[in-house]
Amino acid sequence: MSADIILPPDAEAPEEVMWQGRFITARKRGRWEYVGRARGIRAAVILAVDPEAHVILVDQYRVPLGKRCIELPAGLVGDHDDFADEDASVAAARELEEETGYRAGRIENMGEFHSSPGMVSESFTLFRAHDLVKVGEGGGVDSEDIVVHRVPLAEIEQAITEWRKAGYAMDVKLLLLLGARMLG
């Protein structure tokens, strides 16, 4: 890998806040416009595979897409004053249980990732949930209206195809489950 990094002229331009809401900030740097989370809010995404090799997925209506979306369980870190300094792994465990009804015996940090770096500055930390135990129904909190899906890993490609035919959106992080199949 090269040690010399050439930065475009925009990289040195001052950042301007164009608009800020409770959760999102729109920014501009040079000719680039992008959005990110406000107030230092971060995201935690959970890859949860049970002992029988079923992946735990969720779906919920996503206003920006205008439809329901199939996703890995996920949640925000630091979005509530009560949890402002919460560790991302603690948030991941909490969100997994709230959304899916599964509790992880162990949470493993798999690193930080960016899902749409040309438009969004937000990153997420991916966690692998181990030793899953079903402790509730899930569904989220308040009005999240989350539906939980338990899908055999061996059938994930077929499930995604069927969801697409039914009009669901697919979160980019589902590529994690299709990776090796897509390269073959």
N, C-alpha and C. Protein backbone atom coordinates (compact mmCIF):
# COMPACT_ATOMS: atom_id res chain seq x y z
N MET A 1 0.84 -1.18 0.00
CA MET A 1 0.00 0.00 0.00
C MET A 1 0.88 1.24 0.00
N SER A 2 0.42 2.23 -0.72
CA SER A 2 1.17 3.47 -0.83
C SER A 2 0.99 4.33 0.42
N ALA A 3 2.08 4.92 0.87
CA ALA A 3 2.04 5.80 2.05
C ALA A 3 1.64 7.23 1.65
N ASP A 4 1.77 7.55 0.35
CA ASP A 4 1.44 8.90 -0.12
C ASP A 4 -0.05 8.98 -0.45
N ILE A 5 -0.74 9.84 0.27
CA ILE A 5 -2.16 10.05 0.03
C ILE A 5 -2.33 11.44 -0.56
N ILE A 6 -2.93 11.50 -1.73
CA ILE A 6 -3.16 12.77 -2.40
C ILE A 6 -4.60 13.17 -2.11
N LEU A 7 -4.75 14.33 -1.50
CA LEU A 7 -6.08 14.83 -1.16
C LEU A 7 -6.58 15.80 -2.22
N PRO A 8 -7.87 15.73 -2.54
CA PRO A 8 -8.43 16.71 -3.47
C PRO A 8 -8.52 18.07 -2.80
N PRO A 9 -8.63 19.14 -3.59
CA PRO A 9 -8.70 20.49 -3.00
C PRO A 9 -9.85 20.65 -2.00
N ASP A 10 -10.97 19.96 -2.22
CA ASP A 10 -12.12 20.06 -1.31
C ASP A 10 -11.80 19.56 0.11
N ALA A 11 -10.83 18.69 0.23
CA ALA A 11 -10.51 18.11 1.54
C ALA A 11 -10.07 19.17 2.54
N GLU A 12 -9.48 20.24 2.05
CA GLU A 12 -8.98 21.30 2.94
C GLU A 12 -9.99 22.45 3.13
N ALA A 13 -11.11 22.39 2.40
CA ALA A 13 -12.12 23.46 2.51
C ALA A 13 -12.79 23.39 3.88
N PRO A 14 -13.22 24.52 4.39
CA PRO A 14 -13.92 24.50 5.68
C PRO A 14 -15.28 23.81 5.55
N GLU A 15 -15.68 23.12 6.61
CA GLU A 15 -16.98 22.46 6.62
C GLU A 15 -18.05 23.44 7.06
N GLU A 16 -19.15 23.48 6.33
CA GLU A 16 -20.28 24.34 6.67
C GLU A 16 -21.47 23.47 7.04
N VAL A 17 -22.18 23.83 8.11
CA VAL A 17 -23.42 23.16 8.45
C VAL A 17 -24.53 23.88 7.71
N MET A 18 -25.20 23.17 6.82
CA MET A 18 -26.27 23.74 6.01
C MET A 18 -27.61 23.68 6.75
N TRP A 19 -27.80 22.59 7.51
CA TRP A 19 -29.05 22.39 8.25
C TRP A 19 -28.79 21.33 9.30
N GLN A 20 -29.40 21.51 10.46
CA GLN A 20 -29.25 20.49 11.50
C GLN A 20 -30.60 20.25 12.16
N GLY A 21 -30.96 18.98 12.24
CA GLY A 21 -32.16 18.56 12.95
C GLY A 21 -31.75 17.82 14.21
N ARG A 22 -32.69 17.13 14.80
CA ARG A 22 -32.42 16.40 16.05
C ARG A 22 -31.46 15.22 15.83
N PHE A 23 -31.57 14.55 14.67
CA PHE A 23 -30.78 13.35 14.43
C PHE A 23 -29.82 13.47 13.24
N ILE A 24 -30.07 14.39 12.32
CA ILE A 24 -29.31 14.49 11.07
C ILE A 24 -28.74 15.90 10.91
N THR A 25 -27.53 15.98 10.33
CA THR A 25 -26.92 17.25 9.97
C THR A 25 -26.53 17.19 8.50
N ALA A 26 -26.94 18.19 7.73
CA ALA A 26 -26.52 18.32 6.33
C ALA A 26 -25.33 19.28 6.30
N ARG A 27 -24.26 18.85 5.65
CA ARG A 27 -23.03 19.64 5.62
C ARG A 27 -22.56 19.86 4.18
N LYS A 28 -21.65 20.84 4.05
CA LYS A 28 -21.03 21.12 2.77
C LYS A 28 -19.54 21.38 3.02
N ARG A 29 -18.71 20.80 2.19
CA ARG A 29 -17.26 21.05 2.22
C ARG A 29 -16.82 21.22 0.78
N GLY A 30 -16.46 22.45 0.42
CA GLY A 30 -16.13 22.72 -0.97
C GLY A 30 -17.36 22.48 -1.84
N ARG A 31 -17.20 21.64 -2.86
CA ARG A 31 -18.32 21.35 -3.76
C ARG A 31 -19.14 20.15 -3.30
N TRP A 32 -18.75 19.49 -2.20
CA TRP A 32 -19.42 18.27 -1.74
C TRP A 32 -20.49 18.57 -0.70
N GLU A 33 -21.65 17.97 -0.88
CA GLU A 33 -22.73 18.03 0.11
C GLU A 33 -22.92 16.61 0.64
N TYR A 34 -23.13 16.50 1.95
CA TYR A 34 -23.32 15.19 2.55
C TYR A 34 -24.07 15.33 3.86
N VAL A 35 -24.53 14.21 4.36
CA VAL A 35 -25.26 14.21 5.62
C VAL A 35 -24.57 13.28 6.61
N GLY A 36 -24.87 13.48 7.88
CA GLY A 36 -24.34 12.64 8.93
C GLY A 36 -25.23 12.71 10.15
N ARG A 37 -24.91 11.93 11.12
CA ARG A 37 -25.66 11.94 12.37
C ARG A 37 -25.29 13.18 13.17
N ALA A 38 -26.25 13.73 13.87
CA ALA A 38 -26.04 14.89 14.73
C ALA A 38 -25.58 14.45 16.11
N ARG A 39 -24.99 15.35 16.84
CA ARG A 39 -24.65 15.19 18.26
C ARG A 39 -23.77 13.96 18.57
N GLY A 40 -22.98 13.51 17.63
CA GLY A 40 -22.08 12.39 17.90
C GLY A 40 -22.77 11.03 17.97
N ILE A 41 -24.00 10.96 17.51
CA ILE A 41 -24.72 9.69 17.51
C ILE A 41 -24.04 8.72 16.54
N ARG A 42 -23.93 7.48 16.98
CA ARG A 42 -23.31 6.44 16.16
C ARG A 42 -24.32 5.31 15.95
N ALA A 43 -23.94 4.31 15.18
CA ALA A 43 -24.83 3.18 14.93
C ALA A 43 -24.12 1.87 15.26
N ALA A 44 -24.90 0.89 15.71
CA ALA A 44 -24.42 -0.46 15.96
C ALA A 44 -25.29 -1.41 15.15
N VAL A 45 -24.65 -2.31 14.41
CA VAL A 45 -25.34 -3.30 13.58
C VAL A 45 -24.94 -4.67 14.09
N ILE A 46 -25.90 -5.58 14.14
CA ILE A 46 -25.66 -6.88 14.76
C ILE A 46 -25.88 -8.01 13.76
N LEU A 47 -24.86 -8.83 13.56
CA LEU A 47 -24.97 -10.08 12.80
C LEU A 47 -25.24 -11.17 13.83
N ALA A 48 -26.46 -11.70 13.80
CA ALA A 48 -26.89 -12.69 14.78
C ALA A 48 -27.26 -13.99 14.07
N VAL A 49 -26.48 -15.03 14.33
CA VAL A 49 -26.74 -16.35 13.76
C VAL A 49 -26.90 -17.30 14.93
N ASP A 50 -28.04 -17.99 14.97
CA ASP A 50 -28.30 -18.87 16.11
C ASP A 50 -27.56 -20.21 15.97
N PRO A 51 -27.59 -21.05 17.00
CA PRO A 51 -26.85 -22.31 16.96
C PRO A 51 -27.31 -23.27 15.84
N GLU A 52 -28.52 -23.07 15.31
CA GLU A 52 -29.03 -23.91 14.23
C GLU A 52 -28.74 -23.32 12.85
N ALA A 53 -27.83 -22.35 12.77
CA ALA A 53 -27.41 -21.70 11.52
C ALA A 53 -28.55 -20.94 10.84
N HIS A 54 -29.37 -20.25 11.63
CA HIS A 54 -30.38 -19.34 11.12
C HIS A 54 -29.92 -17.91 11.44
N VAL A 55 -30.01 -17.03 10.45
CA VAL A 55 -29.68 -15.63 10.68
C VAL A 55 -30.96 -14.93 11.13
N ILE A 56 -30.80 -14.01 12.08
CA ILE A 56 -31.92 -13.25 12.60
C ILE A 56 -31.94 -11.90 11.88
N LEU A 57 -33.02 -11.63 11.15
CA LEU A 57 -33.18 -10.39 10.41
C LEU A 57 -34.44 -9.68 10.89
N VAL A 58 -34.55 -8.43 10.54
CA VAL A 58 -35.73 -7.65 10.89
C VAL A 58 -36.21 -6.91 9.65
N ASP A 59 -37.49 -6.54 9.68
CA ASP A 59 -37.97 -5.61 8.67
C ASP A 59 -38.84 -4.58 9.36
N GLN A 60 -38.77 -3.38 8.79
CA GLN A 60 -39.59 -2.28 9.28
C GLN A 60 -39.77 -1.27 8.15
N TYR A 61 -40.82 -0.47 8.27
CA TYR A 61 -41.09 0.55 7.27
C TYR A 61 -40.04 1.65 7.39
N ARG A 62 -39.46 2.02 6.25
CA ARG A 62 -38.45 3.09 6.21
C ARG A 62 -38.99 4.23 5.37
N VAL A 63 -39.28 5.34 6.01
CA VAL A 63 -39.89 6.50 5.35
C VAL A 63 -39.09 6.96 4.13
N PRO A 64 -37.74 7.10 4.20
CA PRO A 64 -37.01 7.56 3.01
C PRO A 64 -37.17 6.65 1.80
N LEU A 65 -37.44 5.37 2.02
CA LEU A 65 -37.60 4.41 0.93
C LEU A 65 -39.05 4.26 0.51
N GLY A 66 -39.97 4.61 1.39
CA GLY A 66 -41.38 4.45 1.11
C GLY A 66 -41.85 3.02 1.12
N LYS A 67 -41.12 2.14 1.81
CA LYS A 67 -41.49 0.73 1.89
C LYS A 67 -40.77 0.06 3.06
N ARG A 68 -41.15 -1.17 3.32
CA ARG A 68 -40.48 -1.94 4.36
C ARG A 68 -39.13 -2.40 3.84
N CYS A 69 -38.18 -2.57 4.75
CA CYS A 69 -36.81 -2.91 4.39
C CYS A 69 -36.34 -4.09 5.24
N ILE A 70 -35.71 -5.07 4.59
CA ILE A 70 -35.10 -6.21 5.30
C ILE A 70 -33.70 -5.79 5.70
N GLU A 71 -33.37 -6.00 6.99
CA GLU A 71 -32.11 -5.50 7.53
C GLU A 71 -31.54 -6.44 8.58
N LEU A 72 -30.26 -6.27 8.86
CA LEU A 72 -29.69 -6.83 10.08
C LEU A 72 -30.21 -5.98 11.23
N PRO A 73 -30.40 -6.56 12.42
CA PRO A 73 -30.80 -5.73 13.56
C PRO A 73 -29.77 -4.63 13.79
N ALA A 74 -30.24 -3.46 14.19
CA ALA A 74 -29.34 -2.33 14.38
C ALA A 74 -30.00 -1.29 15.26
N GLY A 75 -29.20 -0.38 15.74
CA GLY A 75 -29.75 0.72 16.52
C GLY A 75 -28.73 1.82 16.69
N LEU A 76 -29.20 2.92 17.20
CA LEU A 76 -28.34 4.08 17.42
C LEU A 76 -27.69 4.01 18.80
N VAL A 77 -26.49 4.55 18.86
CA VAL A 77 -25.73 4.63 20.10
C VAL A 77 -25.63 6.11 20.47
N GLY A 78 -26.10 6.46 21.66
CA GLY A 78 -26.00 7.84 22.12
C GLY A 78 -27.12 8.73 21.64
N ASP A 79 -28.24 8.14 21.20
CA ASP A 79 -29.34 8.96 20.69
C ASP A 79 -30.28 9.44 21.78
N HIS A 80 -30.19 8.87 22.98
CA HIS A 80 -31.02 9.31 24.12
C HIS A 80 -30.10 9.85 25.21
N ASP A 81 -30.56 10.88 25.90
CA ASP A 81 -29.75 11.45 26.97
C ASP A 81 -29.37 10.41 28.02
N ASP A 82 -30.28 9.45 28.28
CA ASP A 82 -30.00 8.40 29.26
C ASP A 82 -28.83 7.51 28.85
N PHE A 83 -28.56 7.43 27.53
CA PHE A 83 -27.52 6.54 27.01
C PHE A 83 -26.44 7.30 26.25
N ALA A 84 -26.26 8.58 26.52
CA ALA A 84 -25.34 9.43 25.75
C ALA A 84 -23.92 8.88 25.70
N ASP A 85 -23.43 8.31 26.79
CA ASP A 85 -22.05 7.79 26.83
C ASP A 85 -22.01 6.27 26.78
N GLU A 86 -23.07 5.66 26.29
CA GLU A 86 -23.17 4.20 26.25
C GLU A 86 -22.11 3.60 25.33
N ASP A 87 -21.51 2.51 25.75
CA ASP A 87 -20.58 1.76 24.92
C ASP A 87 -21.36 1.12 23.78
N ALA A 88 -20.80 1.11 22.58
CA ALA A 88 -21.50 0.58 21.41
C ALA A 88 -21.87 -0.89 21.58
N SER A 89 -21.04 -1.68 22.26
CA SER A 89 -21.35 -3.10 22.45
C SER A 89 -22.55 -3.29 23.37
N VAL A 90 -22.70 -2.42 24.35
CA VAL A 90 -23.86 -2.47 25.25
C VAL A 90 -25.12 -2.10 24.47
N ALA A 91 -25.01 -1.06 23.63
CA ALA A 91 -26.14 -0.66 22.80
C ALA A 91 -26.52 -1.78 21.84
N ALA A 92 -25.53 -2.46 21.25
CA ALA A 92 -25.80 -3.55 20.32
C ALA A 92 -26.57 -4.67 21.01
N ALA A 93 -26.16 -5.04 22.20
CA ALA A 93 -26.85 -6.10 22.95
C ALA A 93 -28.28 -5.67 23.27
N ARG A 94 -28.45 -4.43 23.70
CA ARG A 94 -29.78 -3.92 24.03
C ARG A 94 -30.68 -3.89 22.80
N GLU A 95 -30.17 -3.37 21.69
CA GLU A 95 -30.95 -3.28 20.46
C GLU A 95 -31.32 -4.66 19.93
N LEU A 96 -30.40 -5.61 20.00
CA LEU A 96 -30.69 -6.97 19.55
C LEU A 96 -31.89 -7.53 20.30
N GLU A 97 -31.88 -7.38 21.61
CA GLU A 97 -32.97 -7.91 22.42
C GLU A 97 -34.28 -7.16 22.16
N GLU A 98 -34.22 -5.83 22.09
CA GLU A 98 -35.43 -5.04 21.85
C GLU A 98 -36.06 -5.37 20.50
N GLU A 99 -35.22 -5.45 19.46
CA GLU A 99 -35.74 -5.64 18.12
C GLU A 99 -36.13 -7.08 17.82
N THR A 100 -35.35 -8.04 18.31
CA THR A 100 -35.55 -9.43 17.89
C THR A 100 -36.05 -10.37 18.98
N GLY A 101 -35.88 -9.99 20.24
CA GLY A 101 -36.23 -10.91 21.33
C GLY A 101 -35.14 -11.91 21.64
N TYR A 102 -33.96 -11.75 21.03
CA TYR A 102 -32.82 -12.64 21.30
C TYR A 102 -31.80 -11.92 22.16
N ARG A 103 -31.24 -12.65 23.11
CA ARG A 103 -30.16 -12.14 23.95
C ARG A 103 -28.88 -12.88 23.56
N ALA A 104 -27.81 -12.12 23.44
CA ALA A 104 -26.51 -12.69 23.09
C ALA A 104 -25.73 -13.01 24.36
N GLY A 105 -25.13 -14.18 24.40
CA GLY A 105 -24.24 -14.53 25.50
C GLY A 105 -22.93 -13.78 25.40
N ARG A 106 -22.57 -13.43 24.16
CA ARG A 106 -21.32 -12.71 23.93
C ARG A 106 -21.48 -11.87 22.67
N ILE A 107 -20.91 -10.66 22.70
CA ILE A 107 -20.93 -9.74 21.56
C ILE A 107 -19.49 -9.49 21.14
N GLU A 108 -19.19 -9.69 19.85
CA GLU A 108 -17.84 -9.52 19.32
C GLU A 108 -17.81 -8.33 18.37
N ASN A 109 -16.91 -7.39 18.60
CA ASN A 109 -16.75 -6.22 17.75
C ASN A 109 -15.99 -6.63 16.48
N MET A 110 -16.64 -6.43 15.32
CA MET A 110 -16.06 -6.81 14.04
C MET A 110 -15.46 -5.61 13.29
N GLY A 111 -15.57 -4.40 13.87
CA GLY A 111 -14.97 -3.23 13.26
C GLY A 111 -15.97 -2.20 12.78
N GLU A 112 -15.41 -1.09 12.33
CA GLU A 112 -16.21 0.05 11.87
C GLU A 112 -16.28 0.04 10.34
N PHE A 113 -17.47 0.35 9.81
CA PHE A 113 -17.71 0.34 8.37
C PHE A 113 -18.53 1.56 7.97
N HIS A 114 -18.44 1.92 6.70
CA HIS A 114 -19.21 3.03 6.13
C HIS A 114 -20.04 2.47 4.99
N SER A 115 -21.35 2.73 4.99
CA SER A 115 -22.22 2.09 4.00
C SER A 115 -22.42 2.91 2.72
N SER A 116 -22.30 4.20 2.77
CA SER A 116 -22.49 5.03 1.57
C SER A 116 -21.58 6.24 1.67
N PRO A 117 -20.25 6.04 1.58
CA PRO A 117 -19.29 7.10 1.89
C PRO A 117 -19.28 8.28 0.94
N GLY A 118 -19.91 8.19 -0.21
CA GLY A 118 -19.96 9.32 -1.11
C GLY A 118 -21.04 10.33 -0.74
N MET A 119 -21.93 9.95 0.19
CA MET A 119 -23.04 10.82 0.53
C MET A 119 -23.28 10.95 2.03
N VAL A 120 -22.83 9.98 2.80
CA VAL A 120 -23.13 9.95 4.22
C VAL A 120 -21.83 9.76 5.02
N SER A 121 -21.61 10.60 6.03
CA SER A 121 -20.41 10.46 6.85
C SER A 121 -20.59 9.42 7.96
N GLU A 122 -21.82 8.97 8.18
CA GLU A 122 -22.09 8.02 9.25
C GLU A 122 -21.35 6.70 9.05
N SER A 123 -20.86 6.17 10.14
CA SER A 123 -20.29 4.83 10.13
C SER A 123 -21.12 3.98 11.09
N PHE A 124 -20.89 2.69 11.02
CA PHE A 124 -21.51 1.80 11.99
C PHE A 124 -20.48 0.80 12.46
N THR A 125 -20.65 0.34 13.68
CA THR A 125 -19.81 -0.73 14.20
C THR A 125 -20.58 -2.02 14.05
N LEU A 126 -19.97 -2.99 13.41
CA LEU A 126 -20.59 -4.30 13.22
C LEU A 126 -20.22 -5.20 14.38
N PHE A 127 -21.23 -5.81 14.97
CA PHE A 127 -21.02 -6.75 16.06
C PHE A 127 -21.56 -8.11 15.66
N ARG A 128 -20.85 -9.16 16.06
CA ARG A 128 -21.32 -10.53 15.87
C ARG A 128 -21.87 -10.99 17.22
N ALA A 129 -23.12 -11.42 17.22
CA ALA A 129 -23.76 -11.92 18.43
C ALA A 129 -23.58 -13.43 18.49
N HIS A 130 -23.06 -13.91 19.62
CA HIS A 130 -22.82 -15.35 19.83
C HIS A 130 -23.73 -15.86 20.95
N ASP A 131 -23.94 -17.17 20.95
CA ASP A 131 -24.67 -17.84 22.03
C ASP A 131 -26.05 -17.23 22.25
N LEU A 132 -26.83 -17.17 21.18
CA LEU A 132 -28.16 -16.54 21.23
C LEU A 132 -29.16 -17.39 22.02
N VAL A 133 -29.99 -16.68 22.79
CA VAL A 133 -31.08 -17.31 23.53
C VAL A 133 -32.33 -16.45 23.29
N LYS A 134 -33.42 -17.10 22.92
CA LYS A 134 -34.69 -16.36 22.72
C LYS A 134 -35.28 -16.06 24.08
N VAL A 135 -35.50 -14.74 24.35
CA VAL A 135 -36.02 -14.32 25.66
C VAL A 135 -37.32 -13.52 25.53
N GLY A 136 -37.73 -13.24 24.32
CA GLY A 136 -38.94 -12.45 24.12
C GLY A 136 -39.37 -12.45 22.67
N GLU A 137 -40.37 -11.64 22.35
CA GLU A 137 -40.91 -11.60 21.00
C GLU A 137 -40.20 -10.59 20.11
N GLY A 138 -39.53 -9.60 20.69
CA GLY A 138 -38.92 -8.55 19.88
C GLY A 138 -39.97 -7.59 19.37
N GLY A 139 -39.70 -6.95 18.26
CA GLY A 139 -40.64 -6.00 17.69
C GLY A 139 -40.27 -4.55 17.92
N GLY A 140 -39.26 -4.31 18.73
CA GLY A 140 -38.80 -2.95 18.97
C GLY A 140 -39.56 -2.27 20.09
N VAL A 141 -39.33 -0.97 20.19
CA VAL A 141 -39.97 -0.16 21.22
C VAL A 141 -40.82 0.91 20.55
N ASP A 142 -41.70 1.51 21.34
CA ASP A 142 -42.58 2.58 20.86
C ASP A 142 -43.33 2.14 19.61
N SER A 143 -43.16 2.86 18.53
CA SER A 143 -43.92 2.56 17.30
C SER A 143 -43.02 2.00 16.20
N GLU A 144 -41.97 1.26 16.56
CA GLU A 144 -41.04 0.76 15.55
C GLU A 144 -41.68 -0.26 14.61
N ASP A 145 -42.63 -1.05 15.08
CA ASP A 145 -43.33 -2.01 14.23
C ASP A 145 -42.36 -2.93 13.48
N ILE A 146 -41.44 -3.52 14.23
CA ILE A 146 -40.42 -4.40 13.65
C ILE A 146 -40.94 -5.83 13.58
N VAL A 147 -40.72 -6.46 12.42
CA VAL A 147 -41.05 -7.87 12.23
C VAL A 147 -39.74 -8.65 12.22
N VAL A 148 -39.69 -9.73 12.99
CA VAL A 148 -38.48 -10.54 13.12
C VAL A 148 -38.56 -11.73 12.15
N HIS A 149 -37.43 -12.01 11.49
CA HIS A 149 -37.33 -13.15 10.57
C HIS A 149 -36.16 -14.01 11.01
N ARG A 150 -36.38 -15.31 11.06
CA ARG A 150 -35.33 -16.30 11.36
C ARG A 150 -35.18 -17.16 10.11
N VAL A 151 -34.06 -16.96 9.39
CA VAL A 151 -33.89 -17.56 8.07
C VAL A 151 -32.67 -18.48 8.07
N PRO A 152 -32.82 -19.72 7.58
CA PRO A 152 -31.64 -20.59 7.45
C PRO A 152 -30.61 -19.93 6.53
N LEU A 153 -29.37 -19.90 6.95
CA LEU A 153 -28.32 -19.30 6.11
C LEU A 153 -28.27 -19.94 4.74
N ALA A 154 -28.51 -21.23 4.67
CA ALA A 154 -28.47 -21.95 3.40
C ALA A 154 -29.57 -21.48 2.45
N GLU A 155 -30.59 -20.80 2.96
CA GLU A 155 -31.71 -20.35 2.13
C GLU A 155 -31.80 -18.83 2.01
N ILE A 156 -30.74 -18.11 2.41
CA ILE A 156 -30.81 -16.65 2.45
C ILE A 156 -30.99 -16.04 1.06
N GLU A 157 -30.32 -16.59 0.07
CA GLU A 157 -30.43 -16.04 -1.28
C GLU A 157 -31.88 -16.16 -1.79
N GLN A 158 -32.50 -17.29 -1.57
CA GLN A 158 -33.89 -17.50 -1.97
C GLN A 158 -34.82 -16.56 -1.22
N ALA A 159 -34.58 -16.39 0.08
CA ALA A 159 -35.42 -15.50 0.89
C ALA A 159 -35.33 -14.06 0.38
N ILE A 160 -34.12 -13.61 0.07
CA ILE A 160 -33.94 -12.24 -0.43
C ILE A 160 -34.65 -12.07 -1.77
N THR A 161 -34.55 -13.07 -2.65
CA THR A 161 -35.24 -13.03 -3.94
C THR A 161 -36.75 -12.91 -3.74
N GLU A 162 -37.29 -13.70 -2.82
CA GLU A 162 -38.74 -13.65 -2.56
C GLU A 162 -39.16 -12.31 -1.95
N TRP A 163 -38.37 -11.77 -1.03
CA TRP A 163 -38.69 -10.47 -0.45
C TRP A 163 -38.67 -9.38 -1.53
N ARG A 164 -37.69 -9.42 -2.41
CA ARG A 164 -37.63 -8.44 -3.49
C ARG A 164 -38.89 -8.50 -4.36
N LYS A 165 -39.29 -9.72 -4.72
CA LYS A 165 -40.51 -9.90 -5.52
C LYS A 165 -41.73 -9.34 -4.81
N ALA A 166 -41.72 -9.41 -3.47
CA ALA A 166 -42.85 -8.91 -2.68
C ALA A 166 -42.78 -7.39 -2.48
N GLY A 167 -41.71 -6.74 -2.95
CA GLY A 167 -41.62 -5.28 -2.89
C GLY A 167 -40.81 -4.72 -1.73
N TYR A 168 -40.11 -5.57 -0.99
CA TYR A 168 -39.27 -5.09 0.11
C TYR A 168 -37.99 -4.46 -0.43
N ALA A 169 -37.47 -3.48 0.29
CA ALA A 169 -36.14 -2.94 0.03
C ALA A 169 -35.13 -3.83 0.75
N MET A 170 -33.90 -3.86 0.28
CA MET A 170 -32.84 -4.66 0.90
C MET A 170 -31.73 -3.73 1.39
N ASP A 171 -31.41 -3.82 2.65
CA ASP A 171 -30.31 -3.04 3.21
C ASP A 171 -28.99 -3.56 2.65
N VAL A 172 -28.06 -2.66 2.34
CA VAL A 172 -26.77 -3.02 1.75
C VAL A 172 -26.00 -4.02 2.63
N LYS A 173 -26.23 -3.99 3.93
CA LYS A 173 -25.48 -4.89 4.82
C LYS A 173 -25.84 -6.36 4.62
N LEU A 174 -26.93 -6.63 3.91
CA LEU A 174 -27.28 -8.02 3.59
C LEU A 174 -26.26 -8.65 2.65
N LEU A 175 -25.48 -7.82 1.95
CA LEU A 175 -24.42 -8.35 1.11
C LEU A 175 -23.46 -9.24 1.90
N LEU A 176 -23.34 -8.94 3.19
CA LEU A 176 -22.50 -9.75 4.08
C LEU A 176 -22.91 -11.22 4.02
N LEU A 177 -24.21 -11.46 3.89
CA LEU A 177 -24.73 -12.81 3.88
C LEU A 177 -24.63 -13.48 2.51
N LEU A 178 -24.46 -12.67 1.47
CA LEU A 178 -24.38 -13.18 0.10
C LEU A 178 -22.97 -13.23 -0.45
N GLY A 179 -22.03 -12.62 0.25
CA GLY A 179 -20.67 -12.41 -0.24
C GLY A 179 -20.05 -13.50 -1.07
N ALA A 180 -19.82 -14.66 -0.48
CA ALA A 180 -19.14 -15.74 -1.19
C ALA A 180 -19.95 -16.23 -2.38
N ARG A 181 -21.26 -16.25 -2.25
CA ARG A 181 -22.13 -16.70 -3.35
C ARG A 181 -22.01 -15.76 -4.56
N MET A 182 -21.83 -14.48 -4.30
CA MET A 182 -21.77 -13.50 -5.37
C MET A 182 -20.46 -13.59 -6.15
N LEU A 183 -19.42 -14.10 -5.54
CA LEU A 183 -18.12 -14.19 -6.20
C LEU A 183 -17.94 -15.48 -6.97
N GLY A 184 -18.79 -16.44 -6.72
CA GLY A 184 -18.65 -17.78 -7.34
C GLY A 184 -19.07 -17.87 -8.75
